[in-house]
Amino acid sequence: MPDRYLRGRTAPLVLSIGLPWRDQSPRWKQVGEPYPGRFMHHLELYDPAEVDDEVRTWLRQAWEAAA
């Protein structure tokens, strides 16, 4: 439940991406391991411009890991 990590602020969008590794980027609001070897990364987005090349790379990696 990412909303409990917002500390009183609200984000227009919280993007959650599952990866088989913990990404070390400081952009993540929260990273959890709901079960061994699966990491859920939560990213707050306040502006469409924040969906940059780095975010697109994470989405591609998540897509490839899910296949």
Protein backbone atom coordinates (compact mmCIF):
# COMPACT_ATOMS: atom_id res chain seq x y z
CA MET A 1 0.00 0.00 0.00
CA PRO A 2 2.23 2.82 -1.27
CA ASP A 3 -0.06 5.56 0.09
CA ARG A 4 1.22 4.96 3.61
CA TYR A 5 4.70 6.06 2.47
CA LEU A 6 3.64 9.43 1.06
CA ARG A 7 4.12 11.22 4.40
CA GLY A 8 1.12 13.50 4.00
CA ARG A 9 1.81 14.32 0.36
CA THR A 10 -0.09 12.91 -2.54
CA ALA A 11 1.31 11.98 -5.91
CA PRO A 12 -0.78 11.99 -9.05
CA LEU A 13 0.59 8.53 -9.83
CA VAL A 14 2.49 5.82 -7.96
CA LEU A 15 4.11 3.49 -10.47
CA SER A 16 4.90 0.01 -9.13
CA ILE A 17 7.39 -2.10 -11.06
CA GLY A 18 8.32 -5.71 -10.27
CA LEU A 19 11.89 -6.80 -10.98
CA PRO A 20 13.88 -9.93 -10.05
CA TRP A 21 16.53 -7.70 -8.42
CA ARG A 22 16.62 -4.67 -6.12
CA ASP A 23 17.42 -1.60 -8.20
CA GLN A 24 19.60 0.84 -6.25
CA SER A 25 18.33 4.08 -7.80
CA PRO A 26 17.57 6.78 -5.23
CA ARG A 27 14.44 7.67 -7.22
CA TRP A 28 12.43 4.83 -5.68
CA LYS A 29 10.11 5.87 -2.89
CA GLN A 30 10.04 2.34 -1.50
CA VAL A 31 11.34 -1.10 -2.49
CA GLY A 32 9.99 -4.27 -0.94
CA GLU A 33 10.57 -7.99 -1.41
CA PRO A 34 7.10 -9.56 -1.12
CA TYR A 35 8.61 -12.99 -1.71
CA PRO A 36 12.17 -14.22 -2.30
CA GLY A 37 13.70 -12.97 -5.52
CA ARG A 38 10.86 -10.59 -6.43
CA PHE A 39 11.27 -6.89 -5.66
CA MET A 40 8.46 -4.36 -5.97
CA HIS A 41 9.72 -0.84 -6.65
CA HIS A 42 7.40 2.14 -6.05
CA LEU A 43 8.01 5.46 -7.80
CA GLU A 44 6.02 8.65 -7.27
CA LEU A 45 5.40 10.62 -10.46
CA TYR A 46 4.29 14.23 -10.26
CA ASP A 47 4.80 15.27 -13.89
CA PRO A 48 4.65 13.39 -17.21
CA ALA A 49 8.23 14.52 -17.92
CA GLU A 50 9.38 12.24 -15.08
CA VAL A 51 8.70 9.25 -17.35
CA ASP A 52 12.17 9.53 -18.82
CA ASP A 53 14.60 7.06 -20.38
CA GLU A 54 15.42 5.56 -16.98
CA VAL A 55 11.75 4.83 -16.22
CA ARG A 56 11.21 3.43 -19.72
CA THR A 57 14.22 1.15 -19.19
CA TRP A 58 12.75 -0.15 -15.91
CA LEU A 59 9.42 -0.82 -17.64
CA ARG A 60 11.17 -2.70 -20.46
CA GLN A 61 13.22 -4.73 -17.95
CA ALA A 62 10.08 -5.62 -15.99
CA TRP A 63 8.31 -6.66 -19.20
CA GLU A 64 11.25 -8.85 -20.24
CA ALA A 65 11.56 -10.39 -16.76
CA ALA A 66 7.86 -11.28 -16.76
CA ALA A 67 8.08 -13.13 -20.10
